[in-house]
């Protein structure tokens, strides 16, 4: 297959795959809920504390790999804005940081950071170098989702026994969930020497399937059903 034709094929498959995920999300969103709770009044909804959960790789990692693997990223990482190393592979802020600023909330704490973390506004599970596959190795997307489910269950158990949980059930249900991952998968796939047909028709759909599975976990949290 010619390089131009291969590139077009990859673009077509990626477009179709992403569209399939979006269709799945939109379909589940409009399908309704089992015994849906009444919508909160606009004023109450606006007053609700924003909660954000992020998953991904270095595009979103705010210090997870530094905490999890003990890596230290010296200057120039962090030099432009924070004036110090923060574990971000960036000399300033990431997209997730700008999002938090726009919501007037603190920057997300890395889930693996044991010192100084505050999870009342959510948590960041993203780890630099992460991919979607293989799914059961640290810190693949599937592992990040399992970490999130652990945090959720521990929080709800704590609240059920009268404790103060960082995020309550409403917080998990109404949170904003972000997934930014896949670049490491694509880099590995195209750098492996595998035939283009294999990458396009097998590996890329497998990557998208993992992302879709992560999205479905989020939809199950809000009890959205699929017709």
N, C-alpha and C. Protein backbone atom coordinates (compact mmCIF):
# COMPACT_ATOMS: atom_id res chain seq x y z
N UNK A 1 0.85 -1.19 0.00
CA UNK A 1 0.00 0.00 0.00
C UNK A 1 0.88 1.24 0.00
N UNK A 2 0.60 2.23 -0.86
CA UNK A 2 1.38 3.44 -0.92
C UNK A 2 1.22 4.22 0.36
N UNK A 3 2.25 5.06 0.67
CA UNK A 3 2.21 5.82 1.91
C UNK A 3 1.01 6.73 1.97
N UNK A 4 0.71 7.43 0.83
CA UNK A 4 -0.43 8.32 0.81
C UNK A 4 -1.73 7.59 1.04
N UNK A 5 -1.86 6.42 0.38
CA UNK A 5 -3.07 5.63 0.57
C UNK A 5 -3.19 5.12 1.98
N UNK A 6 -2.05 4.74 2.57
CA UNK A 6 -2.06 4.25 3.96
C UNK A 6 -2.49 5.36 4.90
N UNK A 7 -1.95 6.57 4.67
CA UNK A 7 -2.33 7.69 5.53
C UNK A 7 -3.81 7.99 5.45
N UNK A 8 -4.34 7.94 4.23
CA UNK A 8 -5.77 8.18 4.06
C UNK A 8 -6.59 7.11 4.75
N UNK A 9 -6.11 5.87 4.66
CA UNK A 9 -6.84 4.77 5.30
C UNK A 9 -6.84 4.92 6.80
N UNK A 10 -5.67 5.30 7.36
CA UNK A 10 -5.59 5.51 8.81
C UNK A 10 -6.53 6.62 9.24
N UNK A 11 -6.53 7.72 8.48
CA UNK A 11 -7.42 8.84 8.83
C UNK A 11 -8.87 8.41 8.78
N UNK A 12 -9.22 7.61 7.77
CA UNK A 12 -10.60 7.15 7.64
C UNK A 12 -11.00 6.26 8.80
N UNK A 13 -10.10 5.35 9.17
CA UNK A 13 -10.42 4.45 10.28
C UNK A 13 -10.53 5.22 11.59
N UNK A 14 -9.59 6.16 11.82
CA UNK A 14 -9.65 6.95 13.04
C UNK A 14 -10.93 7.76 13.11
N UNK A 15 -11.31 8.37 11.97
CA UNK A 15 -12.55 9.14 11.94
C UNK A 15 -13.74 8.27 12.26
N UNK A 16 -13.79 7.09 11.64
CA UNK A 16 -14.90 6.18 11.88
C UNK A 16 -14.92 5.70 13.32
N UNK A 17 -13.74 5.39 13.86
CA UNK A 17 -13.66 4.88 15.23
C UNK A 17 -14.10 5.93 16.23
N UNK A 18 -13.59 7.16 16.06
CA UNK A 18 -13.97 8.23 16.97
C UNK A 18 -15.46 8.52 16.87
N UNK A 19 -15.98 8.50 15.64
CA UNK A 19 -17.41 8.71 15.46
C UNK A 19 -18.21 7.64 16.16
N UNK A 20 -17.73 6.40 16.12
CA UNK A 20 -18.44 5.30 16.78
C UNK A 20 -18.50 5.52 18.29
N UNK A 21 -17.39 5.99 18.86
CA UNK A 21 -17.38 6.25 20.30
C UNK A 21 -18.34 7.38 20.63
N UNK A 22 -18.31 8.45 19.82
CA UNK A 22 -19.19 9.58 20.08
C UNK A 22 -20.65 9.18 19.95
N UNK A 23 -20.96 8.36 18.96
CA UNK A 23 -22.33 7.89 18.79
C UNK A 23 -22.76 7.08 20.00
N UNK A 24 -21.86 6.24 20.50
CA UNK A 24 -22.18 5.44 21.69
C UNK A 24 -22.48 6.33 22.88
N UNK A 25 -21.66 7.38 23.04
CA UNK A 25 -21.87 8.30 24.16
C UNK A 25 -23.18 9.04 24.01
N UNK A 26 -23.43 9.58 22.81
CA UNK A 26 -24.66 10.32 22.59
C UNK A 26 -25.88 9.43 22.75
N UNK A 27 -25.78 8.19 22.27
CA UNK A 27 -26.90 7.27 22.39
C UNK A 27 -27.23 7.00 23.84
N UNK A 28 -26.22 6.76 24.65
CA UNK A 28 -26.47 6.48 26.06
C UNK A 28 -26.95 7.72 26.78
N UNK A 29 -26.50 8.89 26.33
CA UNK A 29 -26.89 10.12 27.02
C UNK A 29 -28.36 10.41 26.84
N UNK A 30 -28.90 10.14 25.64
CA UNK A 30 -30.28 10.48 25.39
C UNK A 30 -31.23 9.35 25.70
N UNK A 31 -30.71 8.21 26.15
CA UNK A 31 -31.57 7.07 26.41
C UNK A 31 -32.33 7.19 27.71
N UNK A 32 -31.91 8.12 28.58
CA UNK A 32 -32.60 8.29 29.84
C UNK A 32 -31.98 7.48 30.95
N UNK A 33 -32.53 7.62 32.15
CA UNK A 33 -32.00 6.94 33.31
C UNK A 33 -33.05 6.05 33.93
N UNK A 34 -32.61 5.03 34.66
CA UNK A 34 -33.52 4.23 35.45
C UNK A 34 -33.88 5.04 36.69
N UNK A 35 -35.18 5.32 36.86
CA UNK A 35 -35.65 6.11 37.98
C UNK A 35 -34.83 7.39 38.11
N UNK A 36 -34.85 8.24 37.08
CA UNK A 36 -34.00 9.43 37.10
C UNK A 36 -34.38 10.37 38.23
N UNK A 37 -33.36 10.96 38.86
CA UNK A 37 -33.60 11.93 39.91
C UNK A 37 -34.02 13.24 39.28
N UNK A 38 -34.83 14.03 39.97
CA UNK A 38 -35.26 15.31 39.42
C UNK A 38 -34.07 16.23 39.19
N UNK A 39 -34.15 17.01 38.13
CA UNK A 39 -33.07 17.93 37.82
C UNK A 39 -33.00 19.02 38.89
N UNK A 40 -31.80 19.36 39.35
CA UNK A 40 -31.69 20.42 40.35
C UNK A 40 -32.04 21.77 39.74
N UNK A 41 -32.49 22.68 40.59
CA UNK A 41 -32.78 24.03 40.13
C UNK A 41 -31.51 24.65 39.57
N UNK A 42 -31.65 25.54 38.57
CA UNK A 42 -30.45 26.14 37.97
C UNK A 42 -29.51 26.76 38.99
N UNK A 43 -30.07 27.46 39.98
CA UNK A 43 -29.23 28.11 40.98
C UNK A 43 -28.45 27.08 41.78
N UNK A 44 -29.12 25.96 42.12
CA UNK A 44 -28.45 24.91 42.90
C UNK A 44 -27.35 24.25 42.07
N UNK A 45 -27.64 24.05 40.78
CA UNK A 45 -26.65 23.42 39.91
C UNK A 45 -25.41 24.30 39.77
N UNK A 46 -25.61 25.61 39.67
CA UNK A 46 -24.48 26.53 39.52
C UNK A 46 -23.67 26.62 40.81
N UNK A 47 -24.35 26.42 41.94
CA UNK A 47 -23.66 26.53 43.23
C UNK A 47 -22.89 25.27 43.58
N UNK A 48 -23.14 24.20 42.83
CA UNK A 48 -22.49 22.93 43.14
C UNK A 48 -20.98 23.04 42.90
N UNK A 49 -20.21 22.49 43.82
CA UNK A 49 -18.75 22.51 43.69
C UNK A 49 -18.33 21.68 42.48
N UNK A 50 -17.51 22.23 41.60
CA UNK A 50 -17.08 21.44 40.44
C UNK A 50 -16.17 20.29 40.86
N UNK A 51 -16.36 19.15 40.22
CA UNK A 51 -15.53 17.97 40.46
C UNK A 51 -15.05 17.46 39.11
N UNK A 52 -13.77 17.19 38.99
CA UNK A 52 -13.18 16.75 37.73
C UNK A 52 -12.31 15.52 37.98
N UNK A 53 -12.46 14.53 37.11
CA UNK A 53 -11.59 13.35 37.13
C UNK A 53 -10.92 13.24 35.77
N UNK A 54 -9.60 13.13 35.76
CA UNK A 54 -8.85 13.10 34.51
C UNK A 54 -8.06 11.80 34.37
N UNK A 55 -8.00 11.31 33.14
CA UNK A 55 -7.29 10.07 32.82
C UNK A 55 -6.43 10.33 31.58
N UNK A 56 -5.27 9.69 31.50
CA UNK A 56 -4.50 9.87 30.28
C UNK A 56 -3.01 9.67 30.45
N UNK A 57 -2.26 10.44 29.65
CA UNK A 57 -0.81 10.31 29.60
C UNK A 57 -0.15 11.64 29.94
N UNK A 58 1.01 11.91 29.34
CA UNK A 58 1.75 13.12 29.68
C UNK A 58 1.01 14.40 29.32
N UNK A 59 0.06 14.33 28.41
CA UNK A 59 -0.73 15.51 28.08
C UNK A 59 -1.50 16.03 29.28
N UNK A 60 -1.77 15.15 30.25
CA UNK A 60 -2.63 15.50 31.38
C UNK A 60 -1.96 15.25 32.73
N UNK A 61 -0.82 14.59 32.76
CA UNK A 61 -0.15 14.23 34.01
C UNK A 61 0.33 15.48 34.75
N UNK A 62 -0.18 15.68 35.96
CA UNK A 62 0.23 16.83 36.78
C UNK A 62 1.16 16.42 37.92
N UNK A 63 1.77 15.25 37.79
CA UNK A 63 2.71 14.80 38.80
C UNK A 63 2.56 13.35 39.18
N UNK A 64 1.73 12.62 38.44
CA UNK A 64 1.47 11.22 38.76
C UNK A 64 2.69 10.32 38.61
N UNK A 65 3.42 10.47 37.52
CA UNK A 65 4.57 9.60 37.31
C UNK A 65 5.69 9.95 38.29
N UNK A 66 5.78 11.21 38.67
CA UNK A 66 6.78 11.61 39.66
C UNK A 66 6.48 10.96 41.00
N UNK A 67 5.20 10.92 41.38
CA UNK A 67 4.81 10.31 42.65
C UNK A 67 4.86 8.79 42.58
N UNK A 68 4.42 8.23 41.47
CA UNK A 68 4.31 6.78 41.36
C UNK A 68 5.63 6.07 41.13
N UNK A 69 6.53 6.70 40.39
CA UNK A 69 7.80 6.05 40.05
C UNK A 69 9.01 6.79 40.62
N UNK A 70 8.76 7.88 41.31
CA UNK A 70 9.87 8.61 41.90
C UNK A 70 10.69 9.41 40.91
N UNK A 71 10.15 9.64 39.72
CA UNK A 71 10.88 10.41 38.72
C UNK A 71 10.89 11.89 39.09
N UNK A 72 11.97 12.54 38.81
CA UNK A 72 12.07 13.98 39.05
C UNK A 72 12.40 14.67 37.74
N UNK A 73 11.60 15.69 37.42
CA UNK A 73 11.82 16.43 36.18
C UNK A 73 12.32 17.83 36.53
N UNK A 74 13.61 18.07 36.39
CA UNK A 74 14.17 19.37 36.76
C UNK A 74 13.81 20.45 35.74
N UNK A 75 14.16 21.68 36.07
CA UNK A 75 13.99 22.76 35.12
C UNK A 75 14.73 22.40 33.84
N UNK A 76 14.21 22.75 32.67
CA UNK A 76 13.19 23.79 32.44
C UNK A 76 11.74 23.37 32.63
N UNK A 77 11.44 22.12 32.99
CA UNK A 77 10.05 21.76 33.25
C UNK A 77 9.51 22.64 34.39
N UNK A 78 8.42 23.34 34.12
CA UNK A 78 7.79 24.17 35.15
C UNK A 78 8.33 25.57 35.28
N UNK A 79 9.32 25.95 34.48
CA UNK A 79 10.01 27.22 34.70
C UNK A 79 9.15 28.44 34.37
N UNK A 80 8.22 28.33 33.41
CA UNK A 80 7.50 29.50 32.92
C UNK A 80 6.45 29.99 33.91
N UNK A 81 5.68 29.07 34.49
CA UNK A 81 4.56 29.48 35.34
C UNK A 81 4.79 29.16 36.81
N UNK A 82 5.08 27.89 37.10
CA UNK A 82 5.22 27.47 38.50
C UNK A 82 6.58 27.85 39.10
N UNK A 83 7.56 28.09 38.25
CA UNK A 83 8.92 28.44 38.68
C UNK A 83 9.60 27.30 39.46
N UNK A 84 9.09 26.10 39.29
CA UNK A 84 9.67 24.94 39.96
C UNK A 84 9.16 23.70 39.24
N UNK A 85 9.80 22.59 39.50
CA UNK A 85 9.35 21.33 38.91
C UNK A 85 8.09 20.85 39.63
N UNK A 86 7.08 20.47 38.85
CA UNK A 86 5.82 20.00 39.43
C UNK A 86 5.47 18.59 39.00
N UNK A 87 6.34 17.97 38.20
CA UNK A 87 6.03 16.65 37.67
C UNK A 87 5.35 16.70 36.33
N UNK A 88 5.05 17.90 35.85
CA UNK A 88 4.46 18.05 34.52
C UNK A 88 5.57 18.03 33.47
N UNK A 89 5.32 17.35 32.36
CA UNK A 89 6.27 17.38 31.25
C UNK A 89 5.96 18.60 30.39
N UNK A 90 6.12 19.75 31.00
CA UNK A 90 5.73 21.00 30.36
C UNK A 90 6.41 22.14 31.12
N UNK A 91 6.78 23.20 30.43
CA UNK A 91 7.42 24.30 31.15
C UNK A 91 6.40 25.27 31.74
N UNK A 92 5.12 24.99 31.51
CA UNK A 92 4.06 25.82 32.07
C UNK A 92 2.89 24.99 32.54
N UNK A 93 1.70 25.39 32.08
CA UNK A 93 0.48 24.67 32.47
C UNK A 93 0.00 23.77 31.35
N UNK A 94 -0.78 22.76 31.73
CA UNK A 94 -1.40 21.84 30.79
C UNK A 94 -2.85 22.25 30.55
N UNK A 95 -3.48 21.64 29.57
CA UNK A 95 -4.88 21.93 29.27
C UNK A 95 -5.75 21.72 30.50
N UNK A 96 -5.48 20.64 31.26
CA UNK A 96 -6.27 20.36 32.45
C UNK A 96 -6.13 21.48 33.48
N UNK A 97 -4.97 22.12 33.53
CA UNK A 97 -4.76 23.24 34.45
C UNK A 97 -5.61 24.44 34.05
N UNK A 98 -5.65 24.73 32.77
CA UNK A 98 -6.47 25.84 32.29
C UNK A 98 -7.95 25.56 32.53
N UNK A 99 -8.34 24.30 32.38
CA UNK A 99 -9.73 23.93 32.64
C UNK A 99 -10.08 24.20 34.11
N UNK A 100 -9.21 23.77 35.01
CA UNK A 100 -9.46 23.99 36.44
C UNK A 100 -9.54 25.48 36.75
N UNK A 101 -8.67 26.26 36.14
CA UNK A 101 -8.72 27.71 36.36
C UNK A 101 -10.04 28.28 35.88
N UNK A 102 -10.54 27.80 34.75
CA UNK A 102 -11.80 28.32 34.21
C UNK A 102 -12.98 27.96 35.10
N UNK A 103 -12.84 26.90 35.89
CA UNK A 103 -13.90 26.48 36.82
C UNK A 103 -13.68 27.06 38.21
N UNK A 104 -12.67 27.91 38.35
CA UNK A 104 -12.35 28.53 39.64
C UNK A 104 -12.11 27.48 40.73
N UNK A 105 -11.38 26.44 40.37
CA UNK A 105 -11.07 25.38 41.32
C UNK A 105 -9.56 25.16 41.36
N UNK A 106 -9.10 24.48 42.38
CA UNK A 106 -7.68 24.19 42.51
C UNK A 106 -7.23 23.22 41.42
N UNK A 107 -5.95 23.22 41.12
CA UNK A 107 -5.42 22.25 40.17
C UNK A 107 -5.63 20.84 40.73
N UNK A 108 -5.86 19.89 39.84
CA UNK A 108 -6.10 18.51 40.28
C UNK A 108 -4.85 17.89 40.90
N UNK A 109 -5.05 17.22 42.02
CA UNK A 109 -3.95 16.49 42.65
C UNK A 109 -3.77 15.15 41.96
N UNK A 110 -2.53 14.72 41.73
CA UNK A 110 -2.31 13.38 41.19
C UNK A 110 -2.80 12.33 42.19
N UNK A 111 -3.47 11.32 41.70
CA UNK A 111 -4.02 10.28 42.58
C UNK A 111 -2.94 9.60 43.41
N UNK A 112 -1.75 9.44 42.86
CA UNK A 112 -0.69 8.71 43.54
C UNK A 112 0.15 9.57 44.49
N UNK A 113 -0.14 10.86 44.54
CA UNK A 113 0.65 11.74 45.41
C UNK A 113 0.15 11.64 46.85
N UNK A 114 1.03 11.19 47.75
CA UNK A 114 0.64 10.94 49.14
C UNK A 114 0.73 12.19 50.01
N UNK A 115 1.45 13.20 49.59
CA UNK A 115 1.68 14.37 50.43
C UNK A 115 1.04 15.60 49.80
N UNK A 116 0.19 16.26 50.58
CA UNK A 116 -0.39 17.52 50.14
C UNK A 116 -1.52 17.42 49.15
N UNK A 117 -2.06 16.25 48.93
CA UNK A 117 -3.13 16.08 47.94
C UNK A 117 -4.48 16.50 48.52
N UNK A 118 -5.34 17.02 47.65
CA UNK A 118 -6.70 17.40 48.01
C UNK A 118 -7.61 16.87 46.92
N UNK A 119 -8.43 15.87 47.26
CA UNK A 119 -9.29 15.24 46.27
C UNK A 119 -10.73 15.72 46.34
N UNK A 120 -10.99 16.81 47.05
CA UNK A 120 -12.36 17.30 47.15
C UNK A 120 -12.88 17.83 45.81
N UNK A 121 -11.97 18.19 44.93
CA UNK A 121 -12.39 18.66 43.61
C UNK A 121 -12.15 17.63 42.52
N UNK A 122 -11.87 16.38 42.93
CA UNK A 122 -11.60 15.33 41.97
C UNK A 122 -10.17 14.83 42.08
N UNK A 123 -9.72 14.13 41.07
CA UNK A 123 -8.38 13.56 41.09
C UNK A 123 -7.87 13.36 39.67
N UNK A 124 -6.56 13.35 39.54
CA UNK A 124 -5.92 13.15 38.24
C UNK A 124 -5.21 11.80 38.23
N UNK A 125 -5.71 10.90 37.40
CA UNK A 125 -5.14 9.55 37.31
C UNK A 125 -4.13 9.42 36.17
N UNK A 126 -3.96 10.48 35.39
CA UNK A 126 -3.07 10.43 34.23
C UNK A 126 -1.62 10.20 34.63
N UNK A 127 -0.94 9.37 33.87
CA UNK A 127 0.47 9.05 34.11
C UNK A 127 1.23 9.16 32.79
N UNK A 128 2.31 9.90 32.80
CA UNK A 128 3.12 10.05 31.58
C UNK A 128 3.58 8.69 31.07
N UNK A 129 3.50 8.53 29.75
CA UNK A 129 3.92 7.28 29.13
C UNK A 129 2.83 6.23 29.07
N UNK A 130 1.65 6.53 29.60
CA UNK A 130 0.58 5.53 29.63
C UNK A 130 -0.01 5.31 28.24
N UNK A 131 -0.60 4.14 28.08
CA UNK A 131 -1.27 3.77 26.84
C UNK A 131 -2.55 3.04 27.18
N UNK A 132 -3.26 2.60 26.18
CA UNK A 132 -4.48 1.82 26.43
C UNK A 132 -4.19 0.33 26.48
N UNK A 133 -3.16 -0.10 25.76
CA UNK A 133 -2.81 -1.53 25.69
C UNK A 133 -1.32 -1.73 25.89
N UNK A 134 -0.91 -2.84 26.53
CA UNK A 134 -1.76 -3.85 27.18
C UNK A 134 -2.49 -3.26 28.38
N UNK A 135 -3.67 -3.77 28.66
CA UNK A 135 -4.59 -3.09 29.57
C UNK A 135 -4.30 -3.33 31.04
N UNK A 136 -3.57 -4.36 31.42
CA UNK A 136 -3.41 -4.69 32.83
C UNK A 136 -2.03 -4.36 33.40
N UNK A 137 -1.30 -3.49 32.73
CA UNK A 137 0.02 -3.09 33.23
C UNK A 137 -0.05 -1.64 33.71
N UNK A 138 0.74 -1.31 34.74
CA UNK A 138 0.79 0.09 35.18
C UNK A 138 1.40 0.96 34.08
N UNK A 139 0.82 2.10 33.73
CA UNK A 139 -0.45 2.58 34.26
C UNK A 139 -1.39 2.79 33.08
N UNK A 140 -1.80 1.67 32.49
CA UNK A 140 -2.68 1.70 31.33
C UNK A 140 -4.02 2.33 31.70
N UNK A 141 -4.78 2.72 30.70
CA UNK A 141 -6.08 3.36 30.94
C UNK A 141 -6.97 2.49 31.81
N UNK A 142 -6.98 1.19 31.56
CA UNK A 142 -7.81 0.28 32.36
C UNK A 142 -7.39 0.33 33.83
N UNK A 143 -6.10 0.38 34.11
CA UNK A 143 -5.61 0.46 35.49
C UNK A 143 -6.03 1.79 36.12
N UNK A 144 -5.95 2.87 35.36
CA UNK A 144 -6.39 4.17 35.87
C UNK A 144 -7.87 4.14 36.23
N UNK A 145 -8.66 3.50 35.39
CA UNK A 145 -10.10 3.39 35.68
C UNK A 145 -10.33 2.57 36.94
N UNK A 146 -9.56 1.50 37.11
CA UNK A 146 -9.69 0.69 38.33
C UNK A 146 -9.29 1.51 39.57
N UNK A 147 -8.29 2.35 39.44
CA UNK A 147 -7.91 3.22 40.55
C UNK A 147 -9.06 4.18 40.88
N UNK A 148 -9.69 4.71 39.85
CA UNK A 148 -10.83 5.59 40.06
C UNK A 148 -11.96 4.86 40.79
N UNK A 149 -12.27 3.65 40.35
CA UNK A 149 -13.34 2.89 40.99
C UNK A 149 -13.01 2.60 42.45
N UNK A 150 -11.74 2.37 42.74
CA UNK A 150 -11.32 2.16 44.13
C UNK A 150 -11.55 3.43 44.95
N UNK A 151 -11.15 4.57 44.40
CA UNK A 151 -11.37 5.84 45.10
C UNK A 151 -12.85 6.08 45.33
N UNK A 152 -13.65 5.81 44.32
CA UNK A 152 -15.10 6.01 44.44
C UNK A 152 -15.69 5.13 45.53
N UNK A 153 -15.34 3.85 45.52
CA UNK A 153 -15.91 2.93 46.50
C UNK A 153 -15.47 3.28 47.92
N UNK A 154 -14.20 3.62 48.08
CA UNK A 154 -13.69 4.00 49.40
C UNK A 154 -14.38 5.26 49.90
N UNK A 155 -14.62 6.21 49.01
CA UNK A 155 -15.29 7.45 49.38
C UNK A 155 -16.72 7.20 49.82
N UNK A 156 -17.44 6.39 49.05
CA UNK A 156 -18.84 6.10 49.38
C UNK A 156 -18.94 5.29 50.66
N UNK A 157 -18.01 4.35 50.86
CA UNK A 157 -18.01 3.57 52.11
C UNK A 157 -17.76 4.48 53.30
N UNK A 158 -16.84 5.41 53.15
CA UNK A 158 -16.53 6.33 54.23
C UNK A 158 -17.73 7.19 54.57
N UNK A 159 -18.41 7.70 53.54
CA UNK A 159 -19.59 8.53 53.77
C UNK A 159 -20.71 7.72 54.42
N UNK A 160 -20.86 6.46 54.02
CA UNK A 160 -21.92 5.61 54.57
C UNK A 160 -21.73 5.34 56.05
N UNK A 161 -20.50 5.42 56.52
CA UNK A 161 -20.22 5.16 57.93
C UNK A 161 -20.02 6.45 58.72
N UNK A 162 -20.52 7.55 58.16
CA UNK A 162 -20.50 8.81 58.88
C UNK A 162 -19.24 9.62 58.74
N UNK A 163 -18.33 9.17 57.91
CA UNK A 163 -17.09 9.90 57.72
C UNK A 163 -17.23 10.99 56.67
N UNK A 164 -16.20 11.78 56.53
CA UNK A 164 -16.19 12.85 55.53
C UNK A 164 -15.41 12.39 54.32
N UNK A 165 -16.11 12.15 53.24
CA UNK A 165 -15.47 11.68 52.01
C UNK A 165 -15.05 12.87 51.15
N UNK A 166 -13.98 12.74 50.39
CA UNK A 166 -13.56 13.86 49.53
C UNK A 166 -14.60 14.22 48.48
N UNK A 167 -15.29 13.20 47.97
CA UNK A 167 -16.34 13.41 46.97
C UNK A 167 -17.52 12.52 47.35
N UNK A 168 -18.73 13.09 47.33
CA UNK A 168 -19.91 12.29 47.67
C UNK A 168 -20.54 11.72 46.41
N UNK A 169 -21.66 11.01 46.59
CA UNK A 169 -22.30 10.34 45.46
C UNK A 169 -22.71 11.32 44.38
N UNK A 170 -23.27 12.48 44.78
CA UNK A 170 -23.65 13.48 43.79
C UNK A 170 -22.43 14.02 43.05
N UNK A 171 -21.33 14.14 43.78
CA UNK A 171 -20.11 14.62 43.13
C UNK A 171 -19.63 13.69 42.04
N UNK A 172 -19.65 12.38 42.31
CA UNK A 172 -19.25 11.41 41.29
C UNK A 172 -20.24 11.42 40.12
N UNK A 173 -21.52 11.55 40.44
CA UNK A 173 -22.54 11.48 39.40
C UNK A 173 -22.49 12.69 38.46
N UNK A 174 -22.16 13.84 39.01
CA UNK A 174 -22.20 15.07 38.21
C UNK A 174 -20.82 15.58 37.81
N UNK A 175 -19.80 14.79 38.08
CA UNK A 175 -18.43 15.23 37.77
C UNK A 175 -18.17 15.31 36.27
N UNK A 176 -17.14 16.05 35.93
CA UNK A 176 -16.65 16.11 34.56
C UNK A 176 -15.51 15.11 34.43
N UNK A 177 -15.60 14.22 33.45
CA UNK A 177 -14.60 13.18 33.24
C UNK A 177 -13.86 13.44 31.93
N UNK A 178 -12.53 13.47 32.01
CA UNK A 178 -11.73 13.73 30.82
C UNK A 178 -10.80 12.56 30.55
N UNK A 179 -10.74 12.16 29.29
CA UNK A 179 -9.82 11.11 28.85
C UNK A 179 -9.01 11.64 27.67
N UNK A 180 -7.70 11.68 27.82
CA UNK A 180 -6.82 12.11 26.74
C UNK A 180 -5.68 11.10 26.66
N UNK A 181 -5.81 10.15 25.78
CA UNK A 181 -4.83 9.06 25.71
C UNK A 181 -4.85 8.45 24.31
N UNK A 182 -3.81 7.74 23.96
CA UNK A 182 -3.76 7.05 22.68
C UNK A 182 -2.54 7.36 21.85
N UNK A 183 -1.87 8.50 22.13
CA UNK A 183 -0.73 8.87 21.30
C UNK A 183 0.41 7.86 21.44
N UNK A 184 0.61 7.33 22.65
CA UNK A 184 1.67 6.34 22.84
C UNK A 184 1.34 5.02 22.15
N UNK A 185 0.05 4.67 22.13
CA UNK A 185 -0.38 3.48 21.41
C UNK A 185 -0.08 3.62 19.92
N UNK A 186 -0.45 4.77 19.36
CA UNK A 186 -0.25 4.98 17.92
C UNK A 186 1.23 5.02 17.58
N UNK A 187 2.01 5.68 18.42
CA UNK A 187 3.45 5.74 18.18
C UNK A 187 4.07 4.34 18.19
N UNK A 188 3.65 3.53 19.17
CA UNK A 188 4.18 2.17 19.25
C UNK A 188 3.72 1.32 18.08
N UNK A 189 2.46 1.50 17.68
CA UNK A 189 1.92 0.69 16.59
C UNK A 189 2.62 0.99 15.27
N UNK A 190 2.76 2.28 14.95
CA UNK A 190 3.39 2.64 13.68
C UNK A 190 4.90 2.46 13.71
N UNK A 191 5.49 2.43 14.91
CA UNK A 191 6.92 2.22 15.01
C UNK A 191 7.32 0.77 15.15
N UNK A 192 6.33 -0.11 15.20
CA UNK A 192 6.62 -1.53 15.42
C UNK A 192 7.02 -2.27 14.15
N UNK A 193 6.79 -1.63 13.02
CA UNK A 193 7.07 -2.31 11.76
C UNK A 193 5.95 -3.21 11.31
N UNK A 194 4.84 -3.19 12.03
CA UNK A 194 3.68 -4.01 11.65
C UNK A 194 3.09 -3.50 10.35
N UNK A 195 2.49 -4.36 9.56
CA UNK A 195 1.86 -3.94 8.32
C UNK A 195 0.78 -2.88 8.58
N UNK A 196 0.64 -1.95 7.66
CA UNK A 196 -0.36 -0.90 7.83
C UNK A 196 -1.76 -1.47 8.01
N UNK A 197 -2.06 -2.51 7.26
CA UNK A 197 -3.39 -3.10 7.37
C UNK A 197 -3.65 -3.61 8.78
N UNK A 198 -2.62 -4.17 9.41
CA UNK A 198 -2.78 -4.66 10.78
C UNK A 198 -3.01 -3.50 11.74
N UNK A 199 -2.24 -2.43 11.57
CA UNK A 199 -2.40 -1.26 12.44
C UNK A 199 -3.78 -0.65 12.26
N UNK A 200 -4.19 -0.48 11.01
CA UNK A 200 -5.44 0.21 10.72
C UNK A 200 -6.65 -0.62 11.11
N UNK A 201 -6.63 -1.90 10.80
CA UNK A 201 -7.83 -2.72 10.97
C UNK A 201 -7.88 -3.49 12.28
N UNK A 202 -6.77 -3.56 13.00
CA UNK A 202 -6.77 -4.33 14.24
C UNK A 202 -6.32 -3.51 15.45
N UNK A 203 -5.19 -2.85 15.34
CA UNK A 203 -4.65 -2.17 16.52
C UNK A 203 -5.43 -0.90 16.86
N UNK A 204 -5.73 -0.08 15.88
CA UNK A 204 -6.46 1.15 16.16
C UNK A 204 -7.86 0.85 16.71
N UNK A 205 -8.62 -0.07 16.11
CA UNK A 205 -9.92 -0.41 16.72
C UNK A 205 -9.79 -0.91 18.16
N UNK A 206 -8.71 -1.64 18.47
CA UNK A 206 -8.50 -2.12 19.84
C UNK A 206 -8.26 -0.95 20.79
N UNK A 207 -7.52 0.05 20.33
CA UNK A 207 -7.28 1.25 21.14
C UNK A 207 -8.59 1.96 21.42
N UNK A 208 -9.37 2.15 20.38
CA UNK A 208 -10.66 2.84 20.53
C UNK A 208 -11.59 2.06 21.44
N UNK A 209 -11.53 0.73 21.36
CA UNK A 209 -12.38 -0.10 22.22
C UNK A 209 -12.06 0.11 23.69
N UNK A 210 -10.77 0.25 24.02
CA UNK A 210 -10.38 0.50 25.41
C UNK A 210 -10.91 1.85 25.89
N UNK A 211 -10.83 2.85 25.03
CA UNK A 211 -11.34 4.18 25.40
C UNK A 211 -12.85 4.13 25.58
N UNK A 212 -13.52 3.41 24.70
CA UNK A 212 -14.97 3.27 24.82
C UNK A 212 -15.34 2.57 26.12
N UNK A 213 -14.59 1.54 26.50
CA UNK A 213 -14.86 0.85 27.76
C UNK A 213 -14.75 1.81 28.94
N UNK A 214 -13.76 2.68 28.91
CA UNK A 214 -13.59 3.65 29.99
C UNK A 214 -14.77 4.62 30.03
N UNK A 215 -15.26 5.02 28.86
CA UNK A 215 -16.42 5.90 28.80
C UNK A 215 -17.65 5.21 29.36
N UNK A 216 -17.80 3.93 29.05
CA UNK A 216 -18.96 3.19 29.53
C UNK A 216 -18.97 3.09 31.05
N UNK A 217 -17.81 3.01 31.68
CA UNK A 217 -17.75 2.99 33.14
C UNK A 217 -18.33 4.28 33.69
N UNK A 218 -17.99 5.40 33.08
CA UNK A 218 -18.53 6.68 33.52
C UNK A 218 -20.05 6.72 33.35
N UNK A 219 -20.55 6.19 32.25
CA UNK A 219 -21.99 6.21 32.02
C UNK A 219 -22.72 5.33 33.03
N UNK A 220 -22.11 4.24 33.42
CA UNK A 220 -22.73 3.37 34.42
C UNK A 220 -22.83 4.05 35.77
N UNK A 221 -21.92 4.96 36.05
CA UNK A 221 -21.94 5.67 37.33
C UNK A 221 -23.20 6.51 37.46
N UNK A 222 -23.64 7.10 36.35
CA UNK A 222 -24.83 7.94 36.42
C UNK A 222 -26.08 7.14 36.08
N UNK A 223 -25.96 5.82 36.04
CA UNK A 223 -27.11 4.92 35.83
C UNK A 223 -27.80 5.16 34.51
N UNK A 224 -27.02 5.52 33.49
CA UNK A 224 -27.60 5.70 32.17
C UNK A 224 -27.69 4.35 31.48
N UNK A 225 -28.84 4.05 30.92
CA UNK A 225 -29.02 2.76 30.28
C UNK A 225 -28.88 2.88 28.78
N UNK A 226 -28.56 1.77 28.14
CA UNK A 226 -28.43 1.73 26.69
C UNK A 226 -29.62 0.98 26.12
N UNK A 227 -30.33 1.60 25.20
CA UNK A 227 -31.46 0.93 24.55
C UNK A 227 -30.97 0.08 23.38
